Amino acid sequence: MRKVGNSCQTLLAPVRLRKVLLQVGENEHYLSRSVLFRAGDESVGVYLVRSGEVCLEVPGVPQLTRAFSSGSVLGLPSTFSEKPYSLTAVSASECDVVHLSKEPFLKLMKAEPALCRQAMEILSREVTFIMSALRKRAETVSDHTFSSAAS
């Protein structure tokens, strides 16, 4: 696992969402290099990073690994879609997280529309980040292809 740059901010939860997850979730402690969840695993809910850092890894694409720190919520896409995790979450350091299982999380989102909007805003930021990264990658590939063809 290679940490890339500073901690990513796209999955930071607003204060109210953090507070509620802290109240209703279960505390878990992970040693460095522990796996929270693997790509392909059935979703078991979301994780709020309380301390330390957790890296999200794209299987087979190590250059897309990003580190997330305190206040970040991991596992939202698969929990909302009820599909398997698409990324692998590995602790980059010793860390504490709060885990909220899928069913209680989804019930919370239905009962608290304001919290659901906050979670959707996190997903929106993540999609925007991914689309931007894909555009940059496509431009780089296109530039490289063009310069190779011109040679």
C-alpha atoms as a PDB file:
ATOM      1  CA  MET A   1       0.000   0.000   0.000  1.00  0.00           C
ATOM      2  CA  ARG A   2       1.408   3.329  -1.046  1.00  0.00           C
ATOM      3  CA  LYS A   3       0.003   6.495   0.487  1.00  0.00           C
ATOM      4  CA  VAL A   4      -0.560   9.149  -2.168  1.00  0.00           C
ATOM      5  CA  GLY A   5      -0.243  12.811  -1.106  1.00  0.00           C
ATOM      6  CA  ASN A   6      -2.206  14.371   1.714  1.00  0.00           C
ATOM      7  CA  SER A   7      -5.450  13.053   3.125  1.00  0.00           C
ATOM      8  CA  CYS A   8      -8.338  13.393   0.707  1.00  0.00           C
ATOM      9  CA  GLN A   9     -11.219  15.602   1.836  1.00  0.00           C
ATOM     10  CA  THR A  10     -14.021  14.411  -0.475  1.00  0.00           C
ATOM     11  CA  LEU A  11     -15.590  12.035   2.065  1.00  0.00           C
ATOM     12  CA  LEU A  12     -15.611  14.416   5.050  1.00  0.00           C
ATOM     13  CA  ALA A  13     -18.960  14.361   6.821  1.00  0.00           C
ATOM     14  CA  PRO A  14     -20.683  17.479   8.133  1.00  0.00           C
ATOM     15  CA  VAL A  15     -20.627  17.849  11.918  1.00  0.00           C
ATOM     16  CA  ARG A  16     -24.242  16.743  12.479  1.00  0.00           C
ATOM     17  CA  LEU A  17     -23.826  13.537  10.474  1.00  0.00           C
ATOM     18  CA  ARG A  18     -20.613  12.766  12.356  1.00  0.00           C
ATOM     19  CA  LYS A  19     -22.308  13.305  15.724  1.00  0.00           C
ATOM     20  CA  VAL A  20     -25.202  10.998  14.883  1.00  0.00           C
ATOM     21  CA  LEU A  21     -22.922   8.256  13.548  1.00  0.00           C
ATOM     22  CA  LEU A  22     -20.815   8.520  16.718  1.00  0.00           C
ATOM     23  CA  GLN A  23     -23.966   8.123  18.835  1.00  0.00           C
ATOM     24  CA  VAL A  24     -25.496   5.141  17.051  1.00  0.00           C
ATOM     25  CA  GLY A  25     -22.494   3.266  15.611  1.00  0.00           C
ATOM     26  CA  GLU A  26     -20.118   0.810  17.237  1.00  0.00           C
ATOM     27  CA  ASN A  27     -16.502   1.683  17.980  1.00  0.00           C
ATOM     28  CA  GLU A  28     -13.878  -0.497  16.322  1.00  0.00           C
ATOM     29  CA  HIS A  29     -10.087  -0.373  16.556  1.00  0.00           C
ATOM     30  CA  TYR A  30      -7.748  -1.449  13.751  1.00  0.00           C
ATOM     31  CA  LEU A  31      -4.002  -1.952  13.721  1.00  0.00           C
ATOM     32  CA  SER A  32      -1.980  -0.543  10.830  1.00  0.00           C
ATOM     33  CA  ARG A  33      -2.493  -2.413   7.537  1.00  0.00           C
ATOM     34  CA  SER A  34      -5.753  -4.029   8.695  1.00  0.00           C
ATOM     35  CA  VAL A  35      -8.530  -4.498   6.145  1.00  0.00           C
ATOM     36  CA  LEU A  36     -11.878  -2.896   7.032  1.00  0.00           C
ATOM     37  CA  PHE A  37     -13.530  -4.228   3.878  1.00  0.00           C
ATOM     38  CA  ARG A  38     -12.460  -5.644   0.516  1.00  0.00           C
ATOM     39  CA  ALA A  39     -13.661  -4.923  -3.006  1.00  0.00           C
ATOM     40  CA  GLY A  40     -16.252  -7.577  -3.820  1.00  0.00           C
ATOM     41  CA  ASP A  41     -17.327  -8.099  -0.198  1.00  0.00           C
ATOM     42  CA  GLU A  42     -21.009  -7.721   0.587  1.00  0.00           C
ATOM     43  CA  SER A  43     -21.682  -4.322   2.134  1.00  0.00           C
ATOM     44  CA  VAL A  44     -21.935  -4.413   5.913  1.00  0.00           C
ATOM     45  CA  GLY A  45     -22.480  -0.673   6.341  1.00  0.00           C
ATOM     46  CA  VAL A  46     -20.535   2.549   6.660  1.00  0.00           C
ATOM     47  CA  TYR A  47     -17.433   3.521   8.615  1.00  0.00           C
ATOM     48  CA  LEU A  48     -16.673   6.916  10.138  1.00  0.00           C
ATOM     49  CA  VAL A  49     -12.947   7.433  10.676  1.00  0.00           C
ATOM     50  CA  ARG A  50     -12.429   8.805  14.205  1.00  0.00           C
ATOM     51  CA  SER A  51      -8.620   8.802  14.297  1.00  0.00           C
ATOM     52  CA  GLY A  52      -5.768   7.631  12.122  1.00  0.00           C
ATOM     53  CA  GLU A  53      -5.916   7.155   8.370  1.00  0.00           C
ATOM     54  CA  VAL A  54      -7.628   4.659   6.117  1.00  0.00           C
ATOM     55  CA  CYS A  55      -6.700   4.185   2.460  1.00  0.00           C
ATOM     56  CA  LEU A  56      -9.228   3.315  -0.197  1.00  0.00           C
ATOM     57  CA  GLU A  57      -7.611   1.190  -2.881  1.00  0.00           C
ATOM     58  CA  VAL A  58      -8.838   0.435  -6.388  1.00  0.00           C
ATOM     59  CA  PRO A  59      -7.921  -3.201  -7.068  1.00  0.00           C
ATOM     60  CA  GLY A  60      -5.155  -3.343  -9.661  1.00  0.00           C
ATOM     61  CA  VAL A  61      -4.730   0.447  -9.879  1.00  0.00           C
ATOM     62  CA  PRO A  62      -2.405   1.478  -7.022  1.00  0.00           C
ATOM     63  CA  GLN A  63      -1.962   5.017  -8.374  1.00  0.00           C
ATOM     64  CA  LEU A  64      -5.603   5.718  -7.457  1.00  0.00           C
ATOM     65  CA  THR A  65      -5.130   4.879  -3.750  1.00  0.00           C
ATOM     66  CA  ARG A  66      -6.300   7.761  -1.562  1.00  0.00           C
ATOM     67  CA  ALA A  67      -5.951   8.305   2.194  1.00  0.00           C
ATOM     68  CA  PHE A  68      -8.838   9.514   4.370  1.00  0.00           C
ATOM     69  CA  SER A  69      -8.589  10.810   7.926  1.00  0.00           C
ATOM     70  CA  SER A  70     -10.810  11.755  10.850  1.00  0.00           C
ATOM     71  CA  GLY A  71     -14.345  12.701   9.875  1.00  0.00           C
ATOM     72  CA  SER A  72     -14.417  10.748   6.613  1.00  0.00           C
ATOM     73  CA  VAL A  73     -17.285   8.351   5.901  1.00  0.00           C
ATOM     74  CA  LEU A  74     -16.381   5.213   3.956  1.00  0.00           C
ATOM     75  CA  GLY A  75     -18.678   2.682   2.310  1.00  0.00           C
ATOM     76  CA  LEU A  76     -21.553   4.980   1.323  1.00  0.00           C
ATOM     77  CA  PRO A  77     -21.949   3.922  -2.342  1.00  0.00           C
ATOM     78  CA  SER A  78     -22.268   0.210  -1.658  1.00  0.00           C
ATOM     79  CA  THR A  79     -24.429   0.732   1.423  1.00  0.00           C
ATOM     80  CA  PHE A  80     -26.948   2.884  -0.463  1.00  0.00           C
ATOM     81  CA  SER A  81     -26.921   0.695  -3.580  1.00  0.00           C
ATOM     82  CA  GLU A  82     -26.863  -2.575  -1.606  1.00  0.00           C
ATOM     83  CA  LYS A  83     -24.111  -3.800  -3.941  1.00  0.00           C
ATOM     84  CA  PRO A  84     -20.695  -5.173  -2.930  1.00  0.00           C
ATOM     85  CA  TYR A  85     -17.902  -2.773  -2.025  1.00  0.00           C
ATOM     86  CA  SER A  86     -16.041  -1.605  -5.139  1.00  0.00           C
ATOM     87  CA  LEU A  87     -12.919  -0.538  -3.218  1.00  0.00           C
ATOM     88  CA  THR A  88     -10.742  -2.026  -0.488  1.00  0.00           C
ATOM     89  CA  ALA A  89     -10.325  -0.066   2.761  1.00  0.00           C
ATOM     90  CA  VAL A  90      -7.002  -0.619   4.566  1.00  0.00           C
ATOM     91  CA  SER A  91      -5.811   1.209   7.669  1.00  0.00           C
ATOM     92  CA  ALA A  92      -2.682   3.214   6.832  1.00  0.00           C
ATOM     93  CA  SER A  93      -2.015   3.630  10.550  1.00  0.00           C
ATOM     94  CA  GLU A  94      -3.516   2.426  13.769  1.00  0.00           C
ATOM     95  CA  CYS A  95      -7.033   3.839  13.682  1.00  0.00           C
ATOM     96  CA  ASP A  96     -10.379   4.035  15.402  1.00  0.00           C
ATOM     97  CA  VAL A  97     -13.598   3.978  13.423  1.00  0.00           C
ATOM     98  CA  VAL A  98     -17.296   3.899  14.130  1.00  0.00           C
ATOM     99  CA  HIS A  99     -19.144   1.232  12.172  1.00  0.00           C
ATOM    100  CA  LEU A 100     -22.865   1.463  11.497  1.00  0.00           C
ATOM    101  CA  SER A 101     -24.389  -1.648   9.948  1.00  0.00           C
ATOM    102  CA  LYS A 102     -26.281  -1.376   6.677  1.00  0.00           C
ATOM    103  CA  GLU A 103     -29.862  -1.789   7.939  1.00  0.00           C
ATOM    104  CA  PRO A 104     -29.624   0.689  10.854  1.00  0.00           C
ATOM    105  CA  PHE A 105     -27.852   3.172   8.541  1.00  0.00           C
ATOM    106  CA  LEU A 106     -30.553   2.914   5.860  1.00  0.00           C
ATOM    107  CA  LYS A 107     -33.296   3.273   8.507  1.00  0.00           C
ATOM    108  CA  LEU A 108     -31.521   6.369   9.836  1.00  0.00           C
ATOM    109  CA  MET A 109     -31.371   7.855   6.335  1.00  0.00           C
ATOM    110  CA  LYS A 110     -35.119   7.250   5.835  1.00  0.00           C
ATOM    111  CA  ALA A 111     -35.994   8.722   9.239  1.00  0.00           C
ATOM    112  CA  GLU A 112     -33.717  11.771   8.930  1.00  0.00           C
ATOM    113  CA  PRO A 113     -33.966  13.369   5.455  1.00  0.00           C
ATOM    114  CA  ALA A 114     -31.507  16.130   6.418  1.00  0.00           C
ATOM    115  CA  LEU A 115     -28.850  13.527   7.254  1.00  0.00           C
ATOM    116  CA  CYS A 116     -29.631  11.677   4.044  1.00  0.00           C
ATOM    117  CA  ARG A 117     -29.014  14.910   2.080  1.00  0.00           C
ATOM    118  CA  GLN A 118     -25.672  15.298   3.846  1.00  0.00           C
ATOM    119  CA  ALA A 119     -24.702  11.743   2.883  1.00  0.00           C
ATOM    120  CA  MET A 120     -25.789  12.434  -0.708  1.00  0.00           C
ATOM    121  CA  GLU A 121     -23.607  15.566  -0.770  1.00  0.00           C
ATOM    122  CA  ILE A 122     -20.615  13.403   0.198  1.00  0.00           C
ATOM    123  CA  LEU A 123     -21.449  11.013  -2.654  1.00  0.00           C
ATOM    124  CA  SER A 124     -21.803  13.945  -5.041  1.00  0.00           C
ATOM    125  CA  ARG A 125     -18.343  15.280  -4.107  1.00  0.00           C
ATOM    126  CA  GLU A 126     -16.876  11.829  -4.631  1.00  0.00           C
ATOM    127  CA  VAL A 127     -18.491  11.452  -8.072  1.00  0.00           C
ATOM    128  CA  THR A 128     -17.242  14.926  -9.045  1.00  0.00           C
ATOM    129  CA  PHE A 129     -13.720  14.001  -7.908  1.00  0.00           C
ATOM    130  CA  ILE A 130     -13.781  10.716  -9.841  1.00  0.00           C
ATOM    131  CA  MET A 131     -15.100  12.363 -13.011  1.00  0.00           C
ATOM    132  CA  SER A 132     -12.388  15.017 -12.799  1.00  0.00           C
ATOM    133  CA  ALA A 133      -9.681  12.376 -12.314  1.00  0.00           C
ATOM    134  CA  LEU A 134     -10.991  10.394 -15.290  1.00  0.00           C
ATOM    135  CA  ARG A 135     -11.011  13.529 -17.471  1.00  0.00           C
ATOM    136  CA  LYS A 136      -7.428  14.338 -16.482  1.00  0.00           C
ATOM    137  CA  ARG A 137      -6.386  10.751 -17.165  1.00  0.00           C
ATOM    138  CA  ALA A 138      -8.093  10.790 -20.575  1.00  0.00           C
ATOM    139  CA  GLU A 139      -6.362  14.077 -21.436  1.00  0.00           C
ATOM    140  CA  THR A 140      -2.989  12.655 -20.402  1.00  0.00           C
ATOM    141  CA  VAL A 141      -3.540   9.500 -22.457  1.00  0.00           C
ATOM    142  CA  SER A 142      -4.741  11.589 -25.416  1.00  0.00           C
ATOM    143  CA  ASP A 143      -1.720  13.932 -25.176  1.00  0.00           C
ATOM    144  CA  HIS A 144       0.646  10.966 -24.965  1.00  0.00           C
ATOM    145  CA  THR A 145      -1.028   9.210 -27.914  1.00  0.00           C
ATOM    146  CA  PHE A 146      -0.917  12.405 -30.003  1.00  0.00           C
ATOM    147  CA  SER A 147       2.744  13.076 -29.220  1.00  0.00           C
ATOM    148  CA  SER A 148       3.652   9.439 -29.999  1.00  0.00           C
ATOM    149  CA  ALA A 149       1.806   9.581 -33.319  1.00  0.00           C
ATOM    150  CA  ALA A 150       3.513  12.866 -34.261  1.00  0.00           C
ATOM    151  CA  SER A 151       6.990  11.351 -33.729  1.00  0.00           C
END
